[in-house]
């Protein structure tokens, strides 16, 4: 019974990471740096070892590094997760993302990016992509903002079970907005649409909606809904995956 419970817990954890691995939402990783020249960095690492009749090993880590130099903006983002129960992998995924922005004007920004990722539970040995395009600021105010993005993206995939390789040319577009209906409430959404050029039915969709409520300056409630659809997935992987997460956050 104990092992069944652990399998269930880590399967849910795996599902969360499976969803996040489809399309990495960069919009919610941006930090609004106020200075014209500034750095921002965040590192995290966790390791757990449990022996209670079942041997459980888990570790995860990540980094978020941003630098702005007047019109130039750089982002380096990485994350990995690993959970093993009785020598059986329940979670094994990670990604590395690098993005460069150049502000052409108050409205238009040039973007270039590259990304590499893997996900054992998605039968994804490697996904590497390279893209370039434009980001348009629809509106940017203190209480609400909205952005549009469109780029060309080359994508290379290596899948397992069965062994397959794909090379795709995709259109990658996104819509992102943030509003503050009340002083203590913030609602954000980012939706990605990535079809293959010449194959409209071969597409990937992803949307993330988050609500943040500040009870105090330090105590926050968050609820986040994620949903992803991929028309072409490896065998035994669902086309549509979604999750709802609720949590309490304390800022020191």
Protein backbone atom coordinates (compact mmCIF):
# COMPACT_ATOMS: atom_id res chain seq x y z
CA UNK A 1 0.00 0.00 0.00
CA UNK A 2 2.85 2.36 0.90
CA UNK A 3 4.52 1.84 -2.44
CA UNK A 4 1.25 2.38 -4.31
CA UNK A 5 0.80 5.67 -2.45
CA UNK A 6 4.35 6.77 -3.31
CA UNK A 7 3.83 5.84 -6.94
CA UNK A 8 0.69 7.96 -6.99
CA UNK A 9 2.39 10.97 -5.40
CA UNK A 10 5.35 10.90 -7.72
CA UNK A 11 3.15 10.24 -10.75
CA UNK A 12 1.32 13.49 -10.02
CA UNK A 13 4.68 15.25 -9.58
CA UNK A 14 5.78 13.75 -12.88
CA UNK A 15 2.62 15.01 -14.58
CA UNK A 16 3.39 18.57 -13.49
CA UNK A 17 6.87 18.37 -14.98
CA UNK A 18 5.58 16.67 -18.13
CA UNK A 19 3.26 19.59 -18.73
CA UNK A 20 5.89 22.21 -18.08
CA UNK A 21 8.29 20.54 -20.49
CA UNK A 22 6.06 21.00 -23.54
CA UNK A 23 6.53 24.76 -23.97
CA UNK A 24 8.67 26.77 -21.57
CA UNK A 25 6.75 29.91 -20.59
CA UNK A 26 9.38 32.65 -20.71
CA UNK A 27 6.96 35.50 -20.06
CA UNK A 28 6.46 34.61 -16.40
CA UNK A 29 10.25 34.37 -15.94
CA UNK A 30 10.94 37.98 -16.95
CA UNK A 31 11.91 40.30 -14.11
CA UNK A 32 11.01 43.96 -14.57
CA UNK A 33 14.46 45.48 -14.03
CA UNK A 34 14.10 49.18 -13.34
CA UNK A 35 17.66 50.35 -14.07
CA UNK A 36 19.06 50.81 -17.58
CA UNK A 37 22.04 48.66 -16.56
CA UNK A 38 21.29 45.91 -14.04
CA UNK A 39 21.77 42.24 -13.13
CA UNK A 40 19.33 39.78 -11.59
CA UNK A 41 20.17 36.25 -10.50
CA UNK A 42 18.48 33.35 -8.76
CA UNK A 43 19.86 29.86 -8.04
CA UNK A 44 18.15 26.93 -6.35
CA UNK A 45 19.03 23.32 -5.61
CA UNK A 46 17.35 20.60 -3.59
CA UNK A 47 18.29 17.04 -2.65
CA UNK A 48 16.31 14.44 -0.68
CA UNK A 49 17.15 10.89 0.37
CA UNK A 50 14.47 8.80 2.10
CA UNK A 51 14.68 5.19 3.29
CA UNK A 52 11.48 3.88 4.90
CA UNK A 53 11.22 0.47 3.32
CA UNK A 54 11.35 2.16 -0.05
CA UNK A 55 14.49 3.93 -1.25
CA UNK A 56 13.61 7.38 -2.61
CA UNK A 57 16.12 9.78 -4.16
CA UNK A 58 15.15 13.17 -5.54
CA UNK A 59 17.02 16.27 -6.56
CA UNK A 60 16.19 19.37 -8.54
CA UNK A 61 17.77 22.66 -9.39
CA UNK A 62 17.61 25.70 -11.57
CA UNK A 63 18.97 29.12 -12.36
CA UNK A 64 17.54 32.38 -13.66
CA UNK A 65 20.06 35.03 -14.72
CA UNK A 66 19.06 38.30 -16.40
CA UNK A 67 21.09 41.28 -17.54
CA UNK A 68 19.92 44.53 -19.06
CA UNK A 69 22.29 47.02 -20.68
CA UNK A 70 20.25 49.89 -22.02
CA UNK A 71 18.59 48.40 -25.15
CA UNK A 72 20.05 44.92 -24.70
CA UNK A 73 18.45 42.22 -22.52
CA UNK A 74 19.84 38.73 -21.86
CA UNK A 75 18.15 35.78 -20.15
CA UNK A 76 19.67 32.45 -19.15
CA UNK A 77 17.21 29.97 -17.68
CA UNK A 78 17.76 26.35 -16.66
CA UNK A 79 15.89 23.75 -14.65
CA UNK A 80 16.13 20.01 -13.95
CA UNK A 81 14.17 17.46 -11.90
CA UNK A 82 14.92 13.87 -10.95
CA UNK A 83 12.94 11.47 -8.73
CA UNK A 84 13.81 7.78 -8.33
CA UNK A 85 11.90 5.22 -6.24
CA UNK A 86 13.44 1.76 -5.80
CA UNK A 87 15.77 2.41 -8.78
CA UNK A 88 12.80 3.27 -11.01
CA UNK A 89 12.78 6.78 -12.49
CA UNK A 90 9.52 8.66 -11.97
CA UNK A 91 10.80 12.08 -13.05
CA UNK A 92 13.81 12.85 -15.22
CA UNK A 93 13.59 16.09 -17.16
CA UNK A 94 15.40 19.37 -17.70
CA UNK A 95 15.93 22.30 -20.03
CA UNK A 96 18.32 25.14 -20.81
CA UNK A 97 17.04 28.34 -22.42
CA UNK A 98 18.94 31.42 -23.62
CA UNK A 99 17.22 34.53 -25.01
CA UNK A 100 18.40 37.88 -26.33
CA UNK A 101 16.23 40.98 -26.80
CA UNK A 102 17.12 44.24 -28.50
CA UNK A 103 14.76 47.18 -28.04
CA UNK A 104 14.18 48.82 -31.41
CA UNK A 105 11.61 51.28 -30.04
CA UNK A 106 9.06 51.60 -27.23
CA UNK A 107 6.77 49.21 -29.13
CA UNK A 108 9.03 46.81 -31.03
CA UNK A 109 11.69 44.43 -29.69
CA UNK A 110 13.83 41.98 -31.65
CA UNK A 111 14.12 38.49 -30.09
CA UNK A 112 16.50 35.57 -30.67
CA UNK A 113 16.59 32.39 -28.60
CA UNK A 114 17.78 28.82 -28.35
CA UNK A 115 16.70 25.97 -26.09
CA UNK A 116 17.60 22.35 -25.33
CA UNK A 117 15.47 20.01 -23.24
CA UNK A 118 14.81 16.35 -22.40
CA UNK A 119 12.02 14.46 -20.67
CA UNK A 120 12.18 10.74 -20.03
CA UNK A 121 8.44 10.37 -19.29
CA UNK A 122 7.59 12.08 -22.59
CA UNK A 123 9.94 9.68 -24.42
CA UNK A 124 11.82 12.81 -25.42
CA UNK A 125 15.56 12.20 -25.58
CA UNK A 126 16.33 15.66 -26.96
CA UNK A 127 14.45 18.70 -28.23
CA UNK A 128 16.63 21.51 -29.55
CA UNK A 129 15.27 24.68 -31.07
CA UNK A 130 16.51 27.96 -32.49
CA UNK A 131 14.29 30.95 -33.18
CA UNK A 132 14.19 34.61 -34.14
CA UNK A 133 11.39 37.13 -34.40
CA UNK A 134 9.65 40.21 -33.01
CA UNK A 135 7.91 41.18 -29.77
CA UNK A 136 5.29 43.95 -29.83
CA UNK A 137 4.17 45.94 -26.80
CA UNK A 138 0.43 46.51 -27.11
CA UNK A 139 0.13 48.39 -23.84
CA UNK A 140 2.40 48.87 -20.84
CA UNK A 141 1.09 50.64 -17.76
CA UNK A 142 1.46 50.20 -14.03
CA UNK A 143 -1.76 48.20 -13.57
CA UNK A 144 -2.04 46.41 -16.92
CA UNK A 145 0.11 45.35 -19.86
CA UNK A 146 -0.16 43.24 -23.00
CA UNK A 147 2.36 41.82 -25.49
CA UNK A 148 2.35 39.94 -28.78
CA UNK A 149 5.19 37.84 -30.15
CA UNK A 150 5.86 36.05 -33.44
CA UNK A 151 8.98 34.24 -34.59
CA UNK A 152 10.36 31.60 -36.92
CA UNK A 153 11.56 28.53 -35.01
CA UNK A 154 13.57 25.52 -36.18
CA UNK A 155 12.99 22.47 -34.00
CA UNK A 156 14.85 19.15 -33.82
CA UNK A 157 13.40 16.21 -31.86
CA UNK A 158 14.79 12.81 -30.90
CA UNK A 159 12.15 10.48 -29.47
CA UNK A 160 12.38 7.04 -27.89
CA UNK A 161 9.89 4.16 -28.01
CA UNK A 162 9.96 4.10 -31.00
CA UNK A 163 13.23 5.67 -32.14
CA UNK A 164 12.22 8.69 -34.24
CA UNK A 165 13.74 11.98 -35.39
CA UNK A 166 11.88 15.09 -36.54
CA UNK A 167 13.06 18.37 -38.03
CA UNK A 168 10.34 21.00 -38.15
CA UNK A 169 10.02 24.62 -39.19
CA UNK A 170 7.44 26.23 -36.92
CA UNK A 171 5.72 29.55 -36.46
CA UNK A 172 5.90 30.40 -32.75
CA UNK A 173 3.42 33.03 -31.56
CA UNK A 174 2.29 34.14 -28.13
CA UNK A 175 -0.11 36.55 -26.46
CA UNK A 176 0.61 37.72 -22.93
CA UNK A 177 -1.29 40.07 -20.65
CA UNK A 178 -1.33 41.19 -17.03
CA UNK A 179 -4.04 43.13 -15.22
CA UNK A 180 -4.65 44.38 -11.67
CA UNK A 181 -8.44 44.56 -11.16
CA UNK A 182 -7.79 45.42 -7.51
CA UNK A 183 -4.80 46.83 -5.67
CA UNK A 184 -4.03 43.45 -4.06
CA UNK A 185 -4.93 41.22 -7.02
CA UNK A 186 -2.99 40.38 -10.20
CA UNK A 187 -4.15 38.19 -13.09
CA UNK A 188 -1.75 37.07 -15.83
CA UNK A 189 -2.04 34.83 -18.88
CA UNK A 190 0.34 33.66 -21.57
CA UNK A 191 -0.82 31.55 -24.54
CA UNK A 192 1.50 30.00 -27.13
CA UNK A 193 0.52 28.72 -30.60
CA UNK A 194 3.17 26.82 -32.57
CA UNK A 195 2.07 25.21 -35.85
CA UNK A 196 4.41 23.56 -38.38
CA UNK A 197 4.74 25.60 -41.57
CA UNK A 198 2.61 24.02 -44.28
CA UNK A 199 0.90 21.65 -41.78
CA UNK A 200 -1.64 23.66 -39.81
CA UNK A 201 -3.02 20.50 -38.18
CA UNK A 202 0.44 19.69 -36.77
CA UNK A 203 0.50 22.14 -33.89
CA UNK A 204 1.28 22.76 -30.25
CA UNK A 205 -0.81 24.93 -27.91
CA UNK A 206 -0.03 25.97 -24.36
CA UNK A 207 -1.71 28.37 -21.96
CA UNK A 208 -0.93 29.42 -18.40
CA UNK A 209 -3.22 31.56 -16.25
CA UNK A 210 -2.20 32.73 -12.79
CA UNK A 211 -4.05 34.64 -10.09
CA UNK A 212 -2.09 36.22 -7.23
CA UNK A 213 -3.80 37.76 -4.21
CA UNK A 214 -1.82 39.71 -1.63
CA UNK A 215 -3.28 39.25 1.84
CA UNK A 216 -0.43 41.39 3.17
CA UNK A 217 2.80 42.74 1.65
CA UNK A 218 4.51 39.44 2.49
CA UNK A 219 1.71 36.84 2.44
CA UNK A 220 0.31 35.84 -0.96
CA UNK A 221 -2.13 33.26 -2.32
CA UNK A 222 -1.49 31.90 -5.81
CA UNK A 223 -3.53 29.70 -8.12
CA UNK A 224 -2.17 28.62 -11.50
CA UNK A 225 -3.87 26.70 -14.30
CA UNK A 226 -1.77 25.15 -17.10
CA UNK A 227 -3.00 23.34 -20.19
CA UNK A 228 -1.02 21.99 -23.13
CA UNK A 229 -2.11 20.32 -26.37
CA UNK A 230 0.31 18.67 -28.80
CA UNK A 231 -1.08 17.08 -31.96
CA UNK A 232 2.02 14.89 -32.39
CA UNK A 233 3.33 13.13 -29.29
CA UNK A 234 5.32 9.92 -28.68
CA UNK A 235 3.44 6.69 -28.01
CA UNK A 236 1.69 6.37 -24.61
CA UNK A 237 1.78 10.17 -24.09
CA UNK A 238 -1.51 12.08 -23.88
CA UNK A 239 -2.19 14.84 -26.42
CA UNK A 240 -3.78 17.11 -23.79
CA UNK A 241 -2.43 17.61 -20.28
CA UNK A 242 -3.57 20.12 -17.69
CA UNK A 243 -3.16 20.89 -14.00
CA UNK A 244 -4.35 23.33 -11.35
CA UNK A 245 -2.00 24.40 -8.56
CA UNK A 246 -2.82 26.41 -5.45
CA UNK A 247 -0.37 27.67 -2.88
CA UNK A 248 0.59 30.13 -0.20
CA UNK A 249 3.77 32.18 -0.55
CA UNK A 250 5.64 34.16 2.10
CA UNK A 251 8.08 36.83 0.96
CA UNK A 252 10.85 37.73 3.41
